[in-house]
C-alpha atoms as a PDB file:
ATOM      1  CA  MET A   1      -0.089   0.087   0.141  1.00  0.00           C
ATOM      2  CA  TRP A   2       1.052   3.377  -1.133  1.00  0.00           C
ATOM      3  CA  PHE A   3       1.194   6.182   1.622  1.00  0.00           C
ATOM      4  CA  ALA A   4       2.076   9.688   0.877  1.00  0.00           C
ATOM      5  CA  SER A   5       4.754  11.411   2.621  1.00  0.00           C
ATOM      6  CA  ASP A   6       4.579  14.655   4.575  1.00  0.00           C
ATOM      7  CA  LYS A   7       6.496  16.536   1.842  1.00  0.00           C
ATOM      8  CA  GLU A   8       4.100  15.191  -0.763  1.00  0.00           C
ATOM      9  CA  VAL A   9       0.845  15.972   1.025  1.00  0.00           C
ATOM     10  CA  ARG A  10       2.121  19.563   1.823  1.00  0.00           C
ATOM     11  CA  ARG A  11       2.563  19.786  -1.618  1.00  0.00           C
ATOM     12  CA  MET A  12      -0.857  18.835  -2.367  1.00  0.00           C
ATOM     13  CA  ILE A  13      -2.407  21.351  -0.037  1.00  0.00           C
ATOM     14  CA  GLU A  14      -0.532  23.899  -1.566  1.00  0.00           C
ATOM     15  CA  ILE A  15      -1.737  23.268  -4.894  1.00  0.00           C
ATOM     16  CA  GLN A  16      -5.381  22.921  -3.874  1.00  0.00           C
ATOM     17  CA  SER A  17      -4.647  26.299  -1.984  1.00  0.00           C
ATOM     18  CA  LEU A  18      -3.572  27.963  -5.277  1.00  0.00           C
ATOM     19  CA  ILE A  19      -6.217  26.429  -7.309  1.00  0.00           C
ATOM     20  CA  ALA A  20      -8.631  27.943  -4.878  1.00  0.00           C
ATOM     21  CA  THR A  21      -7.002  31.340  -4.964  1.00  0.00           C
ATOM     22  CA  ILE A  22      -6.917  31.176  -8.875  1.00  0.00           C
ATOM     23  CA  TYR A  23     -10.632  30.508  -8.755  1.00  0.00           C
ATOM     24  CA  ILE A  24     -11.638  33.175  -6.338  1.00  0.00           C
ATOM     25  CA  LEU A  25      -9.281  35.690  -8.219  1.00  0.00           C
ATOM     26  CA  PHE A  26     -11.058  34.757 -11.471  1.00  0.00           C
ATOM     27  CA  TYR A  27     -14.336  34.912 -10.217  1.00  0.00           C
ATOM     28  CA  ALA A  28     -13.606  38.081  -8.916  1.00  0.00           C
ATOM     29  CA  LEU A  29     -12.439  39.769 -12.194  1.00  0.00           C
ATOM     30  CA  VAL A  30     -15.596  38.460 -13.692  1.00  0.00           C
ATOM     31  CA  GLY A  31     -17.907  39.928 -11.082  1.00  0.00           C
ATOM     32  CA  VAL A  32     -15.777  43.381 -11.486  1.00  0.00           C
ATOM     33  CA  THR A  33     -16.100  43.061 -14.888  1.00  0.00           C
ATOM     34  CA  ILE A  34     -19.788  42.803 -15.180  1.00  0.00           C
ATOM     35  CA  ILE A  35     -20.338  45.545 -12.796  1.00  0.00           C
ATOM     36  CA  THR A  36     -18.021  47.915 -14.710  1.00  0.00           C
ATOM     37  CA  PHE A  37     -19.977  47.113 -17.840  1.00  0.00           C
ATOM     38  CA  ALA A  38     -23.607  47.707 -15.928  1.00  0.00           C
ATOM     39  CA  LEU A  39     -22.347  51.006 -14.573  1.00  0.00           C
ATOM     40  CA  ILE A  40     -21.154  52.036 -17.847  1.00  0.00           C
ATOM     41  CA  ILE A  41     -24.450  51.331 -19.394  1.00  0.00           C
ATOM     42  CA  ALA A  42     -26.240  53.190 -17.099  1.00  0.00           C
ATOM     43  CA  LEU A  43     -23.944  56.027 -17.537  1.00  0.00           C
ATOM     44  CA  VAL A  44     -24.630  56.071 -21.253  1.00  0.00           C
ATOM     45  CA  VAL A  45     -28.523  55.865 -20.504  1.00  0.00           C
ATOM     46  CA  ILE A  46     -28.581  58.699 -17.952  1.00  0.00           C
ATOM     47  CA  ILE A  47     -26.323  61.024 -20.081  1.00  0.00           C
ATOM     48  CA  SER A  48     -28.508  60.138 -23.401  1.00  0.00           C
ATOM     49  CA  LYS A  49     -31.641  61.183 -21.462  1.00  0.00           C
ATOM     50  CA  GLN A  50     -30.689  64.448 -20.261  1.00  0.00           C
ATOM     51  CA  LYS A  51     -30.066  65.611 -23.739  1.00  0.00           C
END
């Protein structure tokens, strides 16, 4: 039976935390991008109604 050494376990945990961090950053970037486009569209609508 194969058992992972402490070094391999630490490496697996580091990789999992790195992947989780990348997911969080990616979805944060997507969220900020959506909010930015929504604000731009809202500003365009508000400015076009004032003229």
